[in-house]
Amino acid sequence: MEKSVNFNADVSAVVVLYNPDLSNLKKSLLSLITQVGNVILIDNSPINLETGEFLSFFKDFSIEYYFLGENLGIAKAQNIGIHKALNKKSNFVLIMDQDSIPFSDMVYHLKHDFIFLSNKGCKVGAIGPVPINIQTQAPYSSRIKKNYPFFDDCQNIIKVSELISSGSLIDLAIFEDVGLMDESLFIDGVDHEWCWRANSKGYVCAMSNNAKLQHMLGEGDRKIFGIRIAITSPFRVFYQFRNYFYLCKRQYVPLYWKINNGFKYLIKILYYPTFVSPRKLYLKNILRGIKAGLSVKG
């Protein structure tokens, strides 16, 4: 199969924006527009990009921009984008973060490997690329869970329990069975929760070692007690802790994730209010998140 945008013409890329760094966003879009049929920008930011000159640079490309006027959360924005892709009669949606930069052949490999697995009889929920840490240029990888290839004669496609949303390629028809993104989560855990829900309905998720994108978790990461942990804003810390307790009450969420993140968040409870400014705001939002998470019934 030829590596061209024609092969991916039935792919709509949905990019959720929130106060984007326009330089990084430009790099991301310049790579995306050559790889997909169209790009749909869903903007949660308070400022409309149409009031500036940024979008005029892309006026000759198939990019649509939708300004929401307020932050409705990443799940809601993704769902709006998915509906737009469905209206375009696309077959696939590619979910992207605003600051992730795909390698030039990422989408080709994702779709190629998705079709390969489907032809092998796999019920594929989503397939994603290998995320490369922008800071270290090393691949992000699971520290506690080993992933294995689907087939002995194909080592480049790995079976995984979950994917990060950025770079995830999903057959749009699957949403009718699995459902859309969980808007109650607002931001953190949205990607993993959808994968686990898909798993519970008999779908598998895959990572293609042939496909790569540059990515950064949160505000970057630091080593804490020898463990590399993503540092997030006080705003997101509230949702991290709240959603951890939300998800722990759901039976389809893997036990290993509950244990691993429980340990990770215990470190954050100690580390953030002590070493990361603004310390008091971190502590306040952590406590708010725990209270909100525990108050919701499973």
C-alpha atoms as a PDB file:
ATOM      1  CA  MET A   1       0.000   0.000   0.000  1.00  0.00           C
ATOM      2  CA  GLU A   2       1.236   3.454  -0.920  1.00  0.00           C
ATOM      3  CA  LYS A   3       2.196   5.821   1.862  1.00  0.00           C
ATOM      4  CA  SER A   4       0.003   8.736   0.807  1.00  0.00           C
ATOM      5  CA  VAL A   5      -2.765  10.895   2.232  1.00  0.00           C
ATOM      6  CA  ASN A   6      -5.153   9.096  -0.151  1.00  0.00           C
ATOM      7  CA  PHE A   7      -4.748   5.915   1.903  1.00  0.00           C
ATOM      8  CA  ASN A   8      -5.784   7.958   4.956  1.00  0.00           C
ATOM      9  CA  ALA A   9      -8.444  10.096   3.247  1.00  0.00           C
ATOM     10  CA  ASP A  10     -11.136   8.468   5.405  1.00  0.00           C
ATOM     11  CA  VAL A  11      -9.381   9.554   8.616  1.00  0.00           C
ATOM     12  CA  SER A  12     -10.522  12.677  10.481  1.00  0.00           C
ATOM     13  CA  ALA A  13      -8.069  14.027  13.047  1.00  0.00           C
ATOM     14  CA  VAL A  14      -9.664  15.623  16.117  1.00  0.00           C
ATOM     15  CA  VAL A  15      -7.366  17.980  18.015  1.00  0.00           C
ATOM     16  CA  VAL A  16      -8.568  19.424  21.325  1.00  0.00           C
ATOM     17  CA  LEU A  17      -7.133  22.849  22.169  1.00  0.00           C
ATOM     18  CA  TYR A  18      -6.757  24.666  25.462  1.00  0.00           C
ATOM     19  CA  ASN A  19      -4.561  27.775  25.519  1.00  0.00           C
ATOM     20  CA  PRO A  20      -2.187  26.138  23.026  1.00  0.00           C
ATOM     21  CA  ASP A  21       1.427  27.065  22.436  1.00  0.00           C
ATOM     22  CA  LEU A  22       0.953  28.219  18.842  1.00  0.00           C
ATOM     23  CA  SER A  23       4.490  27.308  17.815  1.00  0.00           C
ATOM     24  CA  ASN A  24       4.041  23.681  18.915  1.00  0.00           C
ATOM     25  CA  LEU A  25       0.522  23.569  17.506  1.00  0.00           C
ATOM     26  CA  LYS A  26       1.794  24.729  14.132  1.00  0.00           C
ATOM     27  CA  LYS A  27       4.387  21.938  14.065  1.00  0.00           C
ATOM     28  CA  SER A  28       1.731  19.390  14.963  1.00  0.00           C
ATOM     29  CA  LEU A  29      -0.726  20.590  12.321  1.00  0.00           C
ATOM     30  CA  LEU A  30       1.910  20.791   9.596  1.00  0.00           C
ATOM     31  CA  SER A  31       2.616  17.110  10.151  1.00  0.00           C
ATOM     32  CA  LEU A  32      -1.038  16.111  10.511  1.00  0.00           C
ATOM     33  CA  ILE A  33      -2.451  17.792   7.399  1.00  0.00           C
ATOM     34  CA  THR A  34      -0.263  15.674   5.139  1.00  0.00           C
ATOM     35  CA  GLN A  35      -1.401  12.442   6.788  1.00  0.00           C
ATOM     36  CA  VAL A  36      -5.198  12.617   7.122  1.00  0.00           C
ATOM     37  CA  GLY A  37      -8.252  13.551   5.115  1.00  0.00           C
ATOM     38  CA  ASN A  38      -9.186  16.483   7.344  1.00  0.00           C
ATOM     39  CA  VAL A  39      -8.422  18.074  10.700  1.00  0.00           C
ATOM     40  CA  ILE A  40     -11.071  19.178  13.204  1.00  0.00           C
ATOM     41  CA  LEU A  41      -9.961  21.635  15.889  1.00  0.00           C
ATOM     42  CA  ILE A  42     -12.153  21.827  19.004  1.00  0.00           C
ATOM     43  CA  ASP A  43     -11.141  24.766  21.181  1.00  0.00           C
ATOM     44  CA  ASN A  44     -11.805  24.870  24.940  1.00  0.00           C
ATOM     45  CA  SER A  45      -9.762  28.078  25.306  1.00  0.00           C
ATOM     46  CA  PRO A  46     -11.205  31.416  26.465  1.00  0.00           C
ATOM     47  CA  ILE A  47      -9.760  33.223  23.414  1.00  0.00           C
ATOM     48  CA  ASN A  48     -10.995  32.547  19.885  1.00  0.00           C
ATOM     49  CA  LEU A  49      -8.136  31.712  17.494  1.00  0.00           C
ATOM     50  CA  GLU A  50     -10.168  33.188  14.642  1.00  0.00           C
ATOM     51  CA  THR A  51      -9.470  36.651  16.040  1.00  0.00           C
ATOM     52  CA  GLY A  52      -5.738  36.282  15.273  1.00  0.00           C
ATOM     53  CA  GLU A  53      -3.659  35.374  12.253  1.00  0.00           C
ATOM     54  CA  PHE A  54      -2.801  31.791  13.188  1.00  0.00           C
ATOM     55  CA  LEU A  55      -5.603  30.040  11.294  1.00  0.00           C
ATOM     56  CA  SER A  56      -5.030  32.106   8.149  1.00  0.00           C
ATOM     57  CA  PHE A  57      -1.760  30.209   7.657  1.00  0.00           C
ATOM     58  CA  PHE A  58      -3.814  27.032   7.150  1.00  0.00           C
ATOM     59  CA  LYS A  59      -6.594  28.543   5.009  1.00  0.00           C
ATOM     60  CA  ASP A  60      -5.700  26.364   2.003  1.00  0.00           C
ATOM     61  CA  PHE A  61      -5.873  23.124   3.987  1.00  0.00           C
ATOM     62  CA  SER A  62      -8.786  20.965   5.116  1.00  0.00           C
ATOM     63  CA  ILE A  63      -8.957  22.272   8.670  1.00  0.00           C
ATOM     64  CA  GLU A  64     -12.164  23.199  10.499  1.00  0.00           C
ATOM     65  CA  TYR A  65     -12.138  25.207  13.720  1.00  0.00           C
ATOM     66  CA  TYR A  66     -14.845  25.175  16.389  1.00  0.00           C
ATOM     67  CA  PHE A  67     -14.653  27.609  19.302  1.00  0.00           C
ATOM     68  CA  LEU A  68     -16.576  26.433  22.382  1.00  0.00           C
ATOM     69  CA  GLY A  69     -16.188  29.654  24.373  1.00  0.00           C
ATOM     70  CA  GLU A  70     -15.362  27.897  27.640  1.00  0.00           C
ATOM     71  CA  ASN A  71     -13.497  24.867  28.971  1.00  0.00           C
ATOM     72  CA  LEU A  72     -15.983  22.013  28.692  1.00  0.00           C
ATOM     73  CA  GLY A  73     -13.334  19.376  29.365  1.00  0.00           C
ATOM     74  CA  ILE A  74     -11.328  17.169  27.052  1.00  0.00           C
ATOM     75  CA  ALA A  75     -13.947  14.383  26.964  1.00  0.00           C
ATOM     76  CA  LYS A  76     -16.749  16.727  25.884  1.00  0.00           C
ATOM     77  CA  ALA A  77     -14.515  18.359  23.269  1.00  0.00           C
ATOM     78  CA  GLN A  78     -13.438  14.963  21.906  1.00  0.00           C
ATOM     79  CA  ASN A  79     -17.060  13.870  21.676  1.00  0.00           C
ATOM     80  CA  ILE A  80     -17.960  17.003  19.727  1.00  0.00           C
ATOM     81  CA  GLY A  81     -15.084  16.277  17.357  1.00  0.00           C
ATOM     82  CA  ILE A  82     -16.156  12.642  16.979  1.00  0.00           C
ATOM     83  CA  HIS A  83     -19.667  13.762  16.013  1.00  0.00           C
ATOM     84  CA  LYS A  84     -18.153  16.134  13.420  1.00  0.00           C
ATOM     85  CA  ALA A  85     -16.108  13.251  12.004  1.00  0.00           C
ATOM     86  CA  LEU A  86     -19.234  11.070  11.816  1.00  0.00           C
ATOM     87  CA  ASN A  87     -21.042  13.826   9.922  1.00  0.00           C
ATOM     88  CA  LYS A  88     -18.206  13.824   7.393  1.00  0.00           C
ATOM     89  CA  LYS A  89     -18.782  10.096   6.765  1.00  0.00           C
ATOM     90  CA  SER A  90     -15.202   9.357   7.802  1.00  0.00           C
ATOM     91  CA  ASN A  91     -14.374   5.770   8.734  1.00  0.00           C
ATOM     92  CA  PHE A  92     -11.706   6.523  11.345  1.00  0.00           C
ATOM     93  CA  VAL A  93     -11.006   9.226  13.896  1.00  0.00           C
ATOM     94  CA  LEU A  94      -7.510  10.088  15.094  1.00  0.00           C
ATOM     95  CA  ILE A  95      -7.531  11.697  18.549  1.00  0.00           C
ATOM     96  CA  MET A  96      -4.663  14.158  19.068  1.00  0.00           C
ATOM     97  CA  ASP A  97      -3.380  16.457  21.805  1.00  0.00           C
ATOM     98  CA  GLN A  98      -2.435  19.980  20.817  1.00  0.00           C
ATOM     99  CA  ASP A  99       1.265  19.619  21.652  1.00  0.00           C
ATOM    100  CA  SER A 100       1.904  16.100  20.323  1.00  0.00           C
ATOM    101  CA  ILE A 101       3.897  15.985  17.100  1.00  0.00           C
ATOM    102  CA  PRO A 102       3.346  12.881  14.951  1.00  0.00           C
ATOM    103  CA  PHE A 103       6.143  11.373  12.906  1.00  0.00           C
ATOM    104  CA  SER A 104       5.531  11.840   9.178  1.00  0.00           C
ATOM    105  CA  ASP A 105       4.349   8.250   8.609  1.00  0.00           C
ATOM    106  CA  MET A 106       2.491   7.706  11.891  1.00  0.00           C
ATOM    107  CA  VAL A 107      -1.062   7.615  10.550  1.00  0.00           C
ATOM    108  CA  TYR A 108      -0.144   5.334   7.654  1.00  0.00           C
ATOM    109  CA  HIS A 109       1.342   2.763  10.023  1.00  0.00           C
ATOM    110  CA  LEU A 110      -1.571   3.012  12.456  1.00  0.00           C
ATOM    111  CA  LYS A 111      -4.182   2.389   9.788  1.00  0.00           C
ATOM    112  CA  HIS A 112      -2.098  -0.273   8.054  1.00  0.00           C
ATOM    113  CA  ASP A 113      -1.616  -2.178  11.315  1.00  0.00           C
ATOM    114  CA  PHE A 114      -5.272  -1.709  12.326  1.00  0.00           C
ATOM    115  CA  ILE A 115      -6.331  -3.339   9.051  1.00  0.00           C
ATOM    116  CA  PHE A 116      -3.708  -6.066   9.497  1.00  0.00           C
ATOM    117  CA  LEU A 117      -5.094  -7.002  12.922  1.00  0.00           C
ATOM    118  CA  SER A 118      -8.688  -6.856  11.698  1.00  0.00           C
ATOM    119  CA  ASN A 119      -7.859  -9.175   8.814  1.00  0.00           C
ATOM    120  CA  LYS A 120      -6.303 -11.570  11.343  1.00  0.00           C
ATOM    121  CA  GLY A 121      -9.645 -11.746  13.149  1.00  0.00           C
ATOM    122  CA  CYS A 122      -8.873  -9.319  15.984  1.00  0.00           C
ATOM    123  CA  LYS A 123     -11.696  -7.141  17.253  1.00  0.00           C
ATOM    124  CA  VAL A 124      -9.689  -3.912  17.437  1.00  0.00           C
ATOM    125  CA  GLY A 125     -10.917  -1.079  19.637  1.00  0.00           C
ATOM    126  CA  ALA A 126      -8.074   1.380  19.132  1.00  0.00           C
ATOM    127  CA  ILE A 127      -4.482   1.407  17.994  1.00  0.00           C
ATOM    128  CA  GLY A 128      -1.894   3.955  19.050  1.00  0.00           C
ATOM    129  CA  PRO A 129       1.729   4.874  18.382  1.00  0.00           C
ATOM    130  CA  VAL A 130       4.773   4.621  20.604  1.00  0.00           C
ATOM    131  CA  PRO A 131       4.840   7.933  22.535  1.00  0.00           C
ATOM    132  CA  ILE A 132       8.307   9.492  22.666  1.00  0.00           C
ATOM    133  CA  ASN A 133       9.111  11.728  25.645  1.00  0.00           C
ATOM    134  CA  ILE A 134       9.910  15.158  24.192  1.00  0.00           C
ATOM    135  CA  GLN A 135      12.231  15.907  27.098  1.00  0.00           C
ATOM    136  CA  THR A 136      14.303  12.720  27.040  1.00  0.00           C
ATOM    137  CA  GLN A 137      13.593  11.393  23.510  1.00  0.00           C
ATOM    138  CA  ALA A 138      13.029   7.992  25.125  1.00  0.00           C
ATOM    139  CA  PRO A 139       9.802   5.994  24.676  1.00  0.00           C
ATOM    140  CA  TYR A 140       7.271   6.083  27.490  1.00  0.00           C
ATOM    141  CA  SER A 141       6.779   2.557  28.779  1.00  0.00           C
ATOM    142  CA  SER A 142       4.928   0.741  31.527  1.00  0.00           C
ATOM    143  CA  ARG A 143       7.042   0.060  34.613  1.00  0.00           C
ATOM    144  CA  ILE A 144       4.875  -2.715  36.024  1.00  0.00           C
ATOM    145  CA  LYS A 145       3.036  -4.367  33.163  1.00  0.00           C
ATOM    146  CA  LYS A 146       4.677  -6.300  30.355  1.00  0.00           C
ATOM    147  CA  ASN A 147       3.028  -6.143  26.937  1.00  0.00           C
ATOM    148  CA  TYR A 148       3.409  -8.809  24.273  1.00  0.00           C
ATOM    149  CA  PRO A 149       2.956  -9.027  20.489  1.00  0.00           C
ATOM    150  CA  PHE A 150      -0.362 -10.313  19.141  1.00  0.00           C
ATOM    151  CA  PHE A 151       1.389 -12.837  16.906  1.00  0.00           C
ATOM    152  CA  ASP A 152       4.788 -14.541  17.016  1.00  0.00           C
ATOM    153  CA  ASP A 153       5.398 -13.685  13.355  1.00  0.00           C
ATOM    154  CA  CYS A 154       4.603  -9.989  13.900  1.00  0.00           C
ATOM    155  CA  GLN A 155       6.590  -8.444  16.729  1.00  0.00           C
ATOM    156  CA  ASN A 156       5.781  -4.815  15.887  1.00  0.00           C
ATOM    157  CA  ILE A 157       2.147  -4.768  17.004  1.00  0.00           C
ATOM    158  CA  ILE A 158       1.742  -5.066  20.770  1.00  0.00           C
ATOM    159  CA  LYS A 159      -1.379  -5.891  22.773  1.00  0.00           C
ATOM    160  CA  VAL A 160      -1.951  -3.276  25.498  1.00  0.00           C
ATOM    161  CA  SER A 161      -4.627  -2.646  28.119  1.00  0.00           C
ATOM    162  CA  GLU A 162      -4.822   1.082  27.491  1.00  0.00           C
ATOM    163  CA  LEU A 163      -3.511   3.903  25.323  1.00  0.00           C
ATOM    164  CA  ILE A 164      -2.982   7.603  25.813  1.00  0.00           C
ATOM    165  CA  SER A 165      -5.547   9.517  23.792  1.00  0.00           C
ATOM    166  CA  SER A 166      -3.032  11.366  21.646  1.00  0.00           C
ATOM    167  CA  GLY A 167      -2.399   9.394  18.481  1.00  0.00           C
ATOM    168  CA  SER A 168      -5.205   6.889  19.054  1.00  0.00           C
ATOM    169  CA  LEU A 169      -6.844   5.693  15.841  1.00  0.00           C
ATOM    170  CA  ILE A 170     -10.399   4.405  16.311  1.00  0.00           C
ATOM    171  CA  ASP A 171     -12.923   2.974  13.858  1.00  0.00           C
ATOM    172  CA  LEU A 172     -15.893   5.348  14.181  1.00  0.00           C
ATOM    173  CA  ALA A 173     -18.362   2.466  13.989  1.00  0.00           C
ATOM    174  CA  ILE A 174     -17.077   1.167  17.327  1.00  0.00           C
ATOM    175  CA  PHE A 175     -18.509   4.103  19.287  1.00  0.00           C
ATOM    176  CA  GLU A 176     -22.024   2.778  18.715  1.00  0.00           C
ATOM    177  CA  ASP A 177     -21.116  -0.297  20.765  1.00  0.00           C
ATOM    178  CA  VAL A 178     -18.593   1.048  23.295  1.00  0.00           C
ATOM    179  CA  GLY A 179     -19.992   4.549  23.691  1.00  0.00           C
ATOM    180  CA  LEU A 180     -18.281   7.927  23.576  1.00  0.00           C
ATOM    181  CA  MET A 181     -15.744   9.402  25.994  1.00  0.00           C
ATOM    182  CA  ASP A 182     -16.910   9.702  29.615  1.00  0.00           C
ATOM    183  CA  GLU A 183     -17.622  13.393  30.075  1.00  0.00           C
ATOM    184  CA  SER A 184     -18.000  13.022  33.855  1.00  0.00           C
ATOM    185  CA  LEU A 185     -14.208  12.555  34.077  1.00  0.00           C
ATOM    186  CA  PHE A 186     -13.669  15.954  32.405  1.00  0.00           C
ATOM    187  CA  ILE A 187      -9.949  15.458  31.702  1.00  0.00           C
ATOM    188  CA  ASP A 188      -7.753  12.887  33.484  1.00  0.00           C
ATOM    189  CA  GLY A 189      -8.267   9.187  32.829  1.00  0.00           C
ATOM    190  CA  VAL A 190     -10.602   9.746  29.868  1.00  0.00           C
ATOM    191  CA  ASP A 191      -8.371   7.867  27.432  1.00  0.00           C
ATOM    192  CA  HIS A 192      -7.651   4.874  29.669  1.00  0.00           C
ATOM    193  CA  GLU A 193     -11.262   4.542  30.817  1.00  0.00           C
ATOM    194  CA  TRP A 194     -12.499   4.298  27.220  1.00  0.00           C
ATOM    195  CA  CYS A 195      -9.940   1.571  26.458  1.00  0.00           C
ATOM    196  CA  TRP A 196     -10.927  -0.440  29.546  1.00  0.00           C
ATOM    197  CA  ARG A 197     -14.587  -0.078  28.652  1.00  0.00           C
ATOM    198  CA  ALA A 198     -13.816  -1.291  25.138  1.00  0.00           C
ATOM    199  CA  ASN A 199     -11.880  -4.229  26.625  1.00  0.00           C
ATOM    200  CA  SER A 200     -14.901  -5.139  28.746  1.00  0.00           C
ATOM    201  CA  LYS A 201     -16.955  -5.396  25.554  1.00  0.00           C
ATOM    202  CA  GLY A 202     -14.502  -7.746  23.868  1.00  0.00           C
ATOM    203  CA  TYR A 203     -12.331  -5.271  21.969  1.00  0.00           C
ATOM    204  CA  VAL A 204      -8.547  -5.203  22.124  1.00  0.00           C
ATOM    205  CA  CYS A 205      -6.232  -2.206  22.100  1.00  0.00           C
ATOM    206  CA  ALA A 206      -2.913  -2.230  20.294  1.00  0.00           C
ATOM    207  CA  MET A 207       0.292  -0.239  20.053  1.00  0.00           C
ATOM    208  CA  SER A 208       2.162  -0.111  16.777  1.00  0.00           C
ATOM    209  CA  ASN A 209       5.925   0.001  17.194  1.00  0.00           C
ATOM    210  CA  ASN A 210       6.001   1.183  13.577  1.00  0.00           C
ATOM    211  CA  ALA A 211       4.180   4.427  14.491  1.00  0.00           C
ATOM    212  CA  LYS A 212       5.638   7.146  16.726  1.00  0.00           C
ATOM    213  CA  LEU A 213       4.831  10.596  18.014  1.00  0.00           C
ATOM    214  CA  GLN A 214       6.558  13.078  20.275  1.00  0.00           C
ATOM    215  CA  HIS A 215       4.562  13.688  23.399  1.00  0.00           C
ATOM    216  CA  MET A 216       4.777  15.224  26.864  1.00  0.00           C
ATOM    217  CA  LEU A 217       2.708  14.120  29.844  1.00  0.00           C
ATOM    218  CA  GLY A 218       1.363  16.995  31.929  1.00  0.00           C
ATOM    219  CA  GLU A 219       3.814  19.850  32.482  1.00  0.00           C
ATOM    220  CA  GLY A 220       6.799  17.547  32.021  1.00  0.00           C
ATOM    221  CA  ASP A 221       8.126  15.031  34.498  1.00  0.00           C
ATOM    222  CA  ARG A 222      10.606  14.626  37.335  1.00  0.00           C
ATOM    223  CA  LYS A 223      12.221  11.744  39.138  1.00  0.00           C
ATOM    224  CA  ILE A 224      10.736  11.338  42.606  1.00  0.00           C
ATOM    225  CA  PHE A 225      12.314   8.693  44.836  1.00  0.00           C
ATOM    226  CA  GLY A 226      13.814   7.209  41.687  1.00  0.00           C
ATOM    227  CA  ILE A 227      10.428   7.033  39.908  1.00  0.00           C
ATOM    228  CA  ARG A 228       9.693   9.318  36.941  1.00  0.00           C
ATOM    229  CA  ILE A 229       6.329  10.997  37.558  1.00  0.00           C
ATOM    230  CA  ALA A 230       4.524  13.527  35.348  1.00  0.00           C
ATOM    231  CA  ILE A 231       4.084  16.920  37.010  1.00  0.00           C
ATOM    232  CA  THR A 232       0.681  18.464  36.399  1.00  0.00           C
ATOM    233  CA  SER A 233      -0.918  21.804  37.224  1.00  0.00           C
ATOM    234  CA  PRO A 234      -2.917  22.323  40.458  1.00  0.00           C
ATOM    235  CA  PHE A 235      -6.059  22.451  38.299  1.00  0.00           C
ATOM    236  CA  ARG A 236      -5.430  18.964  36.902  1.00  0.00           C
ATOM    237  CA  VAL A 237      -4.332  17.539  40.263  1.00  0.00           C
ATOM    238  CA  PHE A 238      -7.907  17.936  41.511  1.00  0.00           C
ATOM    239  CA  TYR A 239      -9.222  15.804  38.633  1.00  0.00           C
ATOM    240  CA  GLN A 240      -6.424  13.259  38.967  1.00  0.00           C
ATOM    241  CA  PHE A 241      -7.268  12.497  42.582  1.00  0.00           C
ATOM    242  CA  ARG A 242     -11.031  12.762  42.104  1.00  0.00           C
ATOM    243  CA  ASN A 243     -11.007  10.501  39.037  1.00  0.00           C
ATOM    244  CA  TYR A 244      -8.706   7.973  40.680  1.00  0.00           C
ATOM    245  CA  PHE A 245     -11.384   7.283  43.276  1.00  0.00           C
ATOM    246  CA  TYR A 246     -14.121   7.430  40.617  1.00  0.00           C
ATOM    247  CA  LEU A 247     -12.377   4.762  38.563  1.00  0.00           C
ATOM    248  CA  CYS A 248     -11.395   2.560  41.495  1.00  0.00           C
ATOM    249  CA  LYS A 249     -15.105   1.885  42.014  1.00  0.00           C
ATOM    250  CA  ARG A 250     -15.581   0.481  38.488  1.00  0.00           C
ATOM    251  CA  GLN A 251     -15.179  -3.254  38.080  1.00  0.00           C
ATOM    252  CA  TYR A 252     -13.744  -3.118  34.553  1.00  0.00           C
ATOM    253  CA  VAL A 253     -10.815  -0.938  35.639  1.00  0.00           C
ATOM    254  CA  PRO A 254      -7.704  -3.178  36.010  1.00  0.00           C
ATOM    255  CA  LEU A 255      -6.467  -3.960  39.525  1.00  0.00           C
ATOM    256  CA  TYR A 256      -2.839  -3.285  38.540  1.00  0.00           C
ATOM    257  CA  TRP A 257      -3.789   0.300  37.582  1.00  0.00           C
ATOM    258  CA  LYS A 258      -5.570   0.873  40.881  1.00  0.00           C
ATOM    259  CA  ILE A 259      -2.542  -0.353  42.872  1.00  0.00           C
ATOM    260  CA  ASN A 260       0.086   1.416  40.757  1.00  0.00           C
ATOM    261  CA  ASN A 261      -1.708   4.750  40.766  1.00  0.00           C
ATOM    262  CA  GLY A 262      -2.572   4.468  44.445  1.00  0.00           C
ATOM    263  CA  PHE A 263       1.158   4.268  45.157  1.00  0.00           C
ATOM    264  CA  LYS A 264       1.928   7.074  42.703  1.00  0.00           C
ATOM    265  CA  TYR A 265      -0.698   9.395  44.172  1.00  0.00           C
ATOM    266  CA  LEU A 266       0.513   8.665  47.695  1.00  0.00           C
ATOM    267  CA  ILE A 267       3.908   9.995  46.575  1.00  0.00           C
ATOM    268  CA  LYS A 268       2.234  13.054  45.051  1.00  0.00           C
ATOM    269  CA  ILE A 269       0.369  13.790  48.301  1.00  0.00           C
ATOM    270  CA  LEU A 270       3.746  14.020  50.025  1.00  0.00           C
ATOM    271  CA  TYR A 271       5.739  15.599  47.204  1.00  0.00           C
ATOM    272  CA  TYR A 272       3.525  18.307  45.682  1.00  0.00           C
ATOM    273  CA  PRO A 273       2.682  20.303  48.848  1.00  0.00           C
ATOM    274  CA  THR A 274       6.330  20.107  49.929  1.00  0.00           C
ATOM    275  CA  PHE A 275       8.355  20.746  46.785  1.00  0.00           C
ATOM    276  CA  VAL A 276       6.116  22.103  44.000  1.00  0.00           C
ATOM    277  CA  SER A 277       4.780  25.663  43.989  1.00  0.00           C
ATOM    278  CA  PRO A 278       2.139  26.840  44.683  1.00  0.00           C
ATOM    279  CA  ARG A 279       2.307  24.357  47.567  1.00  0.00           C
ATOM    280  CA  LYS A 280      -0.883  25.400  49.390  1.00  0.00           C
ATOM    281  CA  LEU A 281      -2.945  25.283  46.219  1.00  0.00           C
ATOM    282  CA  TYR A 282      -1.673  21.790  45.416  1.00  0.00           C
ATOM    283  CA  LEU A 283      -2.604  20.592  48.904  1.00  0.00           C
ATOM    284  CA  LYS A 284      -6.030  22.234  48.697  1.00  0.00           C
ATOM    285  CA  ASN A 285      -6.825  20.664  45.322  1.00  0.00           C
ATOM    286  CA  ILE A 286      -5.546  17.243  46.378  1.00  0.00           C
ATOM    287  CA  LEU A 287      -7.827  17.258  49.428  1.00  0.00           C
ATOM    288  CA  ARG A 288     -10.752  18.555  47.344  1.00  0.00           C
ATOM    289  CA  GLY A 289     -10.169  15.826  44.788  1.00  0.00           C
ATOM    290  CA  ILE A 290     -10.057  13.058  47.408  1.00  0.00           C
ATOM    291  CA  LYS A 291     -13.256  14.336  49.039  1.00  0.00           C
ATOM    292  CA  ALA A 292     -15.076  14.586  45.708  1.00  0.00           C
ATOM    293  CA  GLY A 293     -13.896  11.158  44.596  1.00  0.00           C
ATOM    294  CA  LEU A 294     -14.921   9.421  47.799  1.00  0.00           C
ATOM    295  CA  SER A 295     -18.361  11.063  47.807  1.00  0.00           C
ATOM    296  CA  VAL A 296     -19.433   9.477  44.505  1.00  0.00           C
ATOM    297  CA  LYS A 297     -21.022   6.030  44.660  1.00  0.00           C
ATOM    298  CA  GLY A 298     -19.571   3.268  42.465  1.00  0.00           C
END
